[in-house]
Amino acid sequence: MAATGDLSFKFWINAKGEILKDNLPKFSGSYVQGPSDNKFVYIDIGRYAGQTDSIWSRRLKIPLTWITWKDIDSCTRNSNSIMETHIQGTGRDGGPNCATVKPFNGWQVKNL
């Protein structure tokens, strides 16, 4: 449980498809959820994350949309690259943020 400061989550997903046929990559993996045209990952919070004594039972939905073939290519060419996003962890009610992230500035390629 974090009271203050930033949290980081690292996970791997698969990107499939053909760059010449598919406008955007198709994502899969154990963390990926949603219909084929609207994939996302969840961050579980409170009871959903196994914290049985928490007052919170929330999930934060982070879209995988806007990740392009160019982004995938950048990460593939440089093994020191990752896709990264930053989101607000505190919701309007003062508790943990939940539901679909808004505003969402998308994902960026970061070189480590």
Protein backbone atom coordinates (compact mmCIF):
# COMPACT_ATOMS: atom_id res chain seq x y z
CA MET A 1 0.00 0.00 0.00
CA ALA A 2 1.36 3.41 -0.95
CA ALA A 3 0.42 6.53 0.96
CA THR A 4 2.44 8.98 -1.11
CA GLY A 5 4.78 9.08 -4.06
CA ASP A 6 4.79 7.53 -7.49
CA LEU A 7 4.08 3.89 -8.23
CA SER A 8 5.50 1.94 -11.16
CA PHE A 9 4.11 -1.14 -12.82
CA LYS A 10 6.08 -3.17 -15.33
CA PHE A 11 4.44 -5.79 -17.51
CA TRP A 12 4.86 -7.36 -20.91
CA ILE A 13 2.33 -7.62 -23.70
CA ASN A 14 2.44 -9.17 -27.17
CA ALA A 15 1.98 -7.12 -30.32
CA LYS A 16 0.70 -9.06 -33.32
CA GLY A 17 -0.33 -8.33 -36.85
CA GLU A 18 1.20 -7.20 -40.11
CA ILE A 19 2.39 -3.65 -40.48
CA LEU A 20 1.31 -3.49 -44.15
CA LYS A 21 -2.16 -4.95 -43.51
CA ASP A 22 -3.15 -3.77 -40.03
CA ASN A 23 -3.41 -0.08 -39.20
CA LEU A 24 -2.51 -0.73 -35.57
CA PRO A 25 -0.92 -3.63 -33.70
CA LYS A 26 -3.16 -6.20 -32.04
CA PHE A 27 -2.32 -6.74 -28.37
CA SER A 28 -2.55 -9.88 -26.27
CA GLY A 29 -1.11 -11.35 -23.12
CA SER A 30 -2.09 -12.16 -19.58
CA TYR A 31 -2.56 -8.47 -18.65
CA VAL A 32 -4.45 -7.44 -21.79
CA GLN A 33 -8.24 -7.25 -21.72
CA GLY A 34 -11.07 -5.94 -23.86
CA PRO A 35 -12.40 -6.34 -27.39
CA SER A 36 -9.97 -6.53 -30.30
CA ASP A 37 -10.43 -2.87 -31.26
CA ASN A 38 -10.25 -1.47 -27.71
CA LYS A 39 -7.59 -3.27 -25.67
CA PHE A 40 -6.56 -2.10 -22.21
CA VAL A 41 -4.91 -3.17 -18.95
CA TYR A 42 -6.36 -2.89 -15.46
CA ILE A 43 -4.54 -1.81 -12.31
CA ASP A 44 -6.36 -3.40 -9.38
CA ILE A 45 -6.74 -1.28 -6.24
CA GLY A 46 -7.61 -2.19 -2.66
CA ARG A 47 -9.65 -5.36 -2.33
CA TYR A 48 -9.27 -6.08 -6.05
CA ALA A 49 -5.50 -6.10 -5.43
CA GLY A 50 -5.82 -8.53 -2.53
CA GLN A 51 -5.79 -5.93 0.26
CA THR A 52 -8.65 -7.44 2.26
CA ASP A 53 -8.55 -4.69 4.91
CA SER A 54 -8.88 -1.85 2.38
CA ILE A 55 -11.99 0.30 2.11
CA TRP A 56 -11.42 0.52 -1.65
CA SER A 57 -12.49 -1.91 -4.37
CA ARG A 58 -11.49 -0.21 -7.59
CA ARG A 59 -9.82 -0.81 -10.93
CA LEU A 60 -8.03 1.69 -13.11
CA LYS A 61 -8.48 1.05 -16.84
CA ILE A 62 -5.51 2.10 -18.97
CA PRO A 63 -6.09 2.03 -22.73
CA LEU A 64 -3.54 0.50 -25.08
CA THR A 65 -4.94 2.54 -27.94
CA TRP A 66 -2.66 4.94 -29.76
CA ILE A 67 0.32 2.60 -29.58
CA THR A 68 1.43 2.51 -33.20
CA TRP A 69 3.60 0.27 -35.34
CA LYS A 70 6.22 3.02 -35.22
CA ASP A 71 6.25 2.78 -31.41
CA ILE A 72 6.55 -1.01 -31.55
CA ASP A 73 9.36 -0.73 -34.11
CA SER A 74 11.24 1.75 -31.90
CA CYS A 75 11.07 -0.62 -28.94
CA THR A 76 12.02 -3.63 -31.05
CA ARG A 77 15.08 -1.93 -32.53
CA ASN A 78 16.40 -0.78 -29.16
CA SER A 79 16.31 -3.36 -26.37
CA ASN A 80 16.73 -0.48 -23.88
CA SER A 81 13.38 1.05 -24.88
CA ILE A 82 10.00 0.67 -23.21
CA MET A 83 6.51 2.05 -23.66
CA GLU A 84 5.59 4.34 -20.79
CA THR A 85 2.63 6.37 -19.65
CA HIS A 86 1.93 8.56 -16.65
CA ILE A 87 -1.48 8.76 -15.04
CA GLN A 88 -3.01 10.52 -12.07
CA GLY A 89 -3.39 8.11 -9.16
CA THR A 90 -5.78 10.20 -7.09
CA GLY A 91 -9.40 10.47 -8.15
CA ARG A 92 -11.73 13.47 -7.89
CA ASP A 93 -13.16 12.07 -4.65
CA GLY A 94 -9.70 12.03 -3.06
CA GLY A 95 -9.47 8.25 -3.18
CA PRO A 96 -7.63 6.12 -5.71
CA ASN A 97 -8.36 6.95 -9.33
CA CYS A 98 -10.63 4.43 -11.03
CA ALA A 99 -12.49 3.67 -14.25
CA THR A 100 -10.98 4.69 -17.60
CA VAL A 101 -8.09 7.12 -17.19
CA LYS A 102 -9.13 10.68 -18.11
CA PRO A 103 -7.37 12.69 -19.28
CA PHE A 104 -5.05 10.18 -20.93
CA ASN A 105 -1.98 11.50 -22.72
CA GLY A 106 -1.18 8.17 -24.30
CA TRP A 107 1.95 6.09 -24.37
CA GLN A 108 5.45 7.22 -25.24
CA VAL A 109 8.64 5.36 -26.12
CA LYS A 110 11.27 5.85 -23.43
CA ASN A 111 14.92 4.92 -23.76
CA LEU A 112 16.36 3.58 -20.52
